[in-house]
Amino acid sequence: MFWKMAAMGQLSMAFYTLFLLVTYMRPGEGLQLRRGDLIPPAPGVLTCWSILLFPQERVAASKTLAKDDSLTVDPCWMKWWEKVLPELARGDAKQRVWKFSYAEFVPVFKAAATTIGLPSLVPYQARHSGASIDSAGKHRSLPEIQRRGRWKTLASVQRYERHAQLGKSAHSLLVRQRLLFQYALEHLEDLVFGRLLPGQLPTL
């Protein structure tokens, strides 16, 4: 998805899609973020980047009625995010991180999804996919996933233990899709830092 959005000239939307994946944020939540909500590491306080969610003085409470909530941006399977976050935070602290609306984002997302042969994919699935990746890779425990996703009950995240279902979904893909997606993942860092161009992604 990132490669295809970048090829469409929508690099900011490509980064936003990855951002939803690594933070489990709901699409509408992510679009409310201001640059000042991205908090860099601080010696003795924060060891990694953090996000301030629903600041009391600015926005309404979350779906679970939480204000001044926070989460860390620490995808252990994508360490290079630490180099991207300073760029997202650069500038006026009151400016929105993402300059587009949800209505503008969805058509680009759907076009990219159709191009890779997954036309039924929707943005909200990034939230659940991030949790599934962390569970399947044993990057986080279910209670940790629950806190990160701000789900009220552990029962809400039990689905992410079902690795067999995740495997079934993977095997439902065509062989050429699996090979393409694996290539895209392995070379994503090269694309992000300009060592490869979007047009260098093999075709399906």
Protein backbone atom coordinates (compact mmCIF):
# COMPACT_ATOMS: atom_id res chain seq x y z
CA MET A 1 0.00 0.00 0.00
CA PHE A 2 2.81 2.41 0.88
CA TRP A 3 4.59 1.80 -2.44
CA LYS A 4 1.41 2.30 -4.47
CA MET A 5 0.39 5.49 -2.65
CA ALA A 6 3.90 6.86 -3.12
CA ALA A 7 3.70 6.06 -6.83
CA MET A 8 0.44 8.03 -6.95
CA GLY A 9 2.27 11.07 -5.55
CA GLN A 10 0.56 10.72 -2.16
CA LEU A 11 3.58 10.16 0.08
CA SER A 12 1.98 11.83 3.10
CA MET A 13 -1.02 9.49 2.86
CA ALA A 14 1.36 6.54 2.54
CA PHE A 15 3.08 7.51 5.78
CA TYR A 16 -0.29 8.04 7.43
CA THR A 17 -1.35 4.49 6.53
CA LEU A 18 1.81 3.12 8.18
CA PHE A 19 1.24 5.42 11.14
CA LEU A 20 -2.20 3.89 11.73
CA LEU A 21 -0.66 0.43 11.52
CA VAL A 22 2.07 0.98 14.12
CA THR A 23 -0.08 2.95 16.58
CA TYR A 24 -3.44 1.08 16.24
CA MET A 25 -5.09 4.50 15.98
CA ARG A 26 -8.54 4.91 14.49
CA PRO A 27 -8.34 6.89 11.22
CA GLY A 28 -10.27 9.85 12.61
CA GLU A 29 -8.05 10.02 15.70
CA GLY A 30 -4.85 10.20 13.68
CA LEU A 31 -6.07 13.10 11.58
CA GLN A 32 -6.61 15.23 14.71
CA LEU A 33 -2.95 15.11 15.69
CA ARG A 34 -0.87 18.28 15.85
CA ARG A 35 2.90 18.34 15.52
CA GLY A 36 3.17 19.26 19.18
CA ASP A 37 1.35 16.05 20.12
CA LEU A 38 4.42 14.07 19.00
CA ILE A 39 6.72 14.02 22.03
CA PRO A 40 10.41 13.11 21.52
CA PRO A 41 12.41 10.97 23.96
CA ALA A 42 13.61 12.72 27.13
CA PRO A 43 16.47 11.44 29.30
CA GLY A 44 15.14 9.79 32.43
CA VAL A 45 11.52 10.24 31.32
CA LEU A 46 10.82 8.78 27.86
CA THR A 47 13.00 6.25 26.08
CA CYS A 48 11.11 6.51 22.78
CA TRP A 49 8.72 8.81 20.95
CA SER A 50 5.27 9.22 22.46
CA ILE A 51 1.92 10.61 21.27
CA LEU A 52 -0.35 12.77 23.40
CA LEU A 53 -3.94 11.82 22.57
CA PHE A 54 -7.00 13.99 23.13
CA PRO A 55 -5.35 16.92 24.96
CA GLN A 56 -7.79 18.25 27.54
CA GLU A 57 -7.55 21.82 26.28
CA ARG A 58 -8.20 21.07 22.62
CA VAL A 59 -10.23 18.03 21.62
CA ALA A 60 -13.13 15.90 22.73
CA ALA A 61 -12.61 12.65 24.61
CA SER A 62 -11.81 9.41 22.82
CA LYS A 63 -14.34 6.72 22.02
CA THR A 64 -13.68 5.33 25.53
CA LEU A 65 -14.06 8.84 27.06
CA ALA A 66 -10.35 9.20 27.83
CA LYS A 67 -8.55 12.56 27.73
CA ASP A 68 -4.83 13.34 27.92
CA ASP A 69 -4.14 9.72 26.97
CA SER A 70 -0.83 8.67 25.46
CA LEU A 71 0.90 5.87 23.60
CA THR A 72 4.43 5.10 22.54
CA VAL A 73 5.59 4.83 18.94
CA ASP A 74 7.93 1.87 19.24
CA PRO A 75 7.36 -0.70 16.47
CA CYS A 76 10.18 -3.13 17.19
CA TRP A 77 9.75 -4.65 13.72
CA MET A 78 10.23 -1.27 12.01
CA LYS A 79 12.97 0.53 13.93
CA TRP A 80 13.58 3.13 11.23
CA TRP A 81 10.37 4.91 12.31
CA GLU A 82 12.58 6.67 14.87
CA LYS A 83 14.11 8.62 11.95
CA VAL A 84 10.71 9.49 10.42
CA LEU A 85 9.08 10.91 13.55
CA PRO A 86 11.32 14.00 13.89
CA GLU A 87 10.28 14.99 10.36
CA LEU A 88 6.59 14.57 11.22
CA ALA A 89 7.04 16.72 14.34
CA ARG A 90 9.07 19.44 12.61
CA GLY A 91 7.37 22.85 12.33
CA ASP A 92 4.67 24.80 14.15
CA ALA A 93 3.47 22.73 17.12
CA LYS A 94 -0.13 23.79 16.43
CA GLN A 95 -0.13 22.61 12.82
CA ARG A 96 -1.82 19.36 11.89
CA VAL A 97 0.59 16.52 11.14
CA TRP A 98 -1.58 15.38 8.22
CA LYS A 99 -2.93 18.10 5.93
CA PHE A 100 -5.61 16.03 4.17
CA SER A 101 -9.14 15.05 5.23
CA TYR A 102 -10.55 11.57 5.63
CA ALA A 103 -12.73 12.18 2.57
CA GLU A 104 -9.59 12.91 0.55
CA PHE A 105 -7.70 9.94 1.99
CA VAL A 106 -10.24 7.18 1.34
CA PRO A 107 -10.28 7.31 -2.51
CA VAL A 108 -6.47 7.14 -2.60
CA PHE A 109 -6.46 4.23 -0.13
CA LYS A 110 -9.11 2.36 -2.12
CA ALA A 111 -7.28 2.95 -5.42
CA ALA A 112 -4.04 1.57 -3.96
CA ALA A 113 -5.87 -1.42 -2.47
CA THR A 114 -7.50 -2.20 -5.81
CA THR A 115 -4.14 -1.99 -7.58
CA ILE A 116 -2.64 -4.68 -5.32
CA GLY A 117 -5.68 -6.94 -5.69
CA LEU A 118 -7.34 -6.25 -2.32
CA PRO A 119 -10.27 -3.99 -3.29
CA SER A 120 -12.27 -4.70 -0.11
CA LEU A 121 -9.52 -3.31 2.17
CA VAL A 122 -10.60 -0.34 4.33
CA PRO A 123 -8.48 2.11 6.41
CA TYR A 124 -9.85 0.90 9.77
CA GLN A 125 -8.25 -2.49 9.15
CA ALA A 126 -4.83 -0.93 9.79
CA ARG A 127 -5.76 -0.69 13.49
CA HIS A 128 -6.51 -4.41 13.73
CA SER A 129 -3.61 -5.39 11.48
CA GLY A 130 -1.12 -3.65 13.76
CA ALA A 131 -2.42 -5.61 16.73
CA SER A 132 -2.33 -8.86 14.74
CA ILE A 133 1.30 -8.27 13.70
CA ASP A 134 2.36 -7.60 17.28
CA SER A 135 0.54 -10.67 18.58
CA ALA A 136 1.69 -13.08 15.86
CA GLY A 137 5.28 -11.89 16.18
CA LYS A 138 5.10 -11.99 20.00
CA HIS A 139 6.17 -8.35 20.06
CA ARG A 140 3.57 -7.54 22.75
CA SER A 141 1.40 -9.50 25.16
CA LEU A 142 -2.39 -9.33 24.86
CA PRO A 143 -2.66 -7.00 27.89
CA GLU A 144 -0.08 -4.72 26.27
CA ILE A 145 -2.03 -4.80 22.99
CA GLN A 146 -5.21 -4.01 24.90
CA ARG A 147 -3.64 -0.95 26.56
CA ARG A 148 -2.10 0.24 23.31
CA GLY A 149 -5.35 -0.10 21.38
CA ARG A 150 -7.34 1.33 24.30
CA TRP A 151 -9.81 -1.56 24.17
CA LYS A 152 -11.91 -1.72 27.32
CA THR A 153 -11.81 -5.48 27.82
CA LEU A 154 -9.28 -8.22 27.14
CA ALA A 155 -12.04 -10.12 25.34
CA SER A 156 -11.93 -7.43 22.64
CA VAL A 157 -8.38 -8.45 21.72
CA GLN A 158 -8.72 -12.24 21.97
CA ARG A 159 -9.08 -12.44 18.19
CA TYR A 160 -5.43 -11.48 17.81
CA GLU A 161 -4.35 -14.76 19.41
CA ARG A 162 -5.84 -16.64 16.49
CA HIS A 163 -2.67 -17.06 14.48
CA ALA A 164 -4.20 -19.87 12.43
CA GLN A 165 -6.80 -17.42 11.10
CA LEU A 166 -4.01 -15.00 10.22
CA GLY A 167 -2.22 -17.79 8.38
CA LYS A 168 -5.41 -18.69 6.56
CA SER A 169 -5.75 -15.10 5.35
CA ALA A 170 -2.16 -15.13 4.11
CA HIS A 171 -2.68 -18.37 2.21
CA SER A 172 -5.79 -16.95 0.55
CA LEU A 173 -3.50 -14.61 -1.39
CA LEU A 174 -2.19 -15.52 -4.82
CA VAL A 175 1.43 -16.65 -4.87
CA ARG A 176 2.44 -13.59 -6.89
CA GLN A 177 0.71 -11.35 -4.32
CA ARG A 178 2.61 -12.95 -1.44
CA LEU A 179 5.92 -12.56 -3.27
CA LEU A 180 5.18 -8.93 -4.13
CA PHE A 181 4.11 -8.06 -0.58
CA GLN A 182 7.20 -9.73 0.88
CA TYR A 183 9.44 -7.78 -1.50
CA ALA A 184 7.65 -4.52 -0.63
CA LEU A 185 8.11 -5.14 3.09
CA GLU A 186 11.76 -6.15 2.85
CA HIS A 187 12.62 -3.04 0.78
CA LEU A 188 10.29 -0.53 2.46
CA GLU A 189 13.10 1.17 4.36
CA ASP A 190 15.01 1.61 1.09
CA LEU A 191 11.97 3.31 -0.45
CA VAL A 192 11.39 5.58 2.55
CA PHE A 193 14.98 6.85 2.55
CA GLY A 194 15.26 7.28 -1.21
CA ARG A 195 17.44 4.28 -2.03
CA LEU A 196 14.64 2.91 -4.24
CA LEU A 197 11.84 4.60 -6.18
CA PRO A 198 8.13 3.59 -6.13
CA GLY A 199 8.37 2.54 -9.78
CA GLN A 200 10.96 -0.10 -8.86
CA LEU A 201 8.33 -2.27 -7.15
CA PRO A 202 7.79 -5.42 -9.28
CA THR A 203 4.34 -5.76 -10.87
CA LEU A 204 1.78 -8.39 -9.90
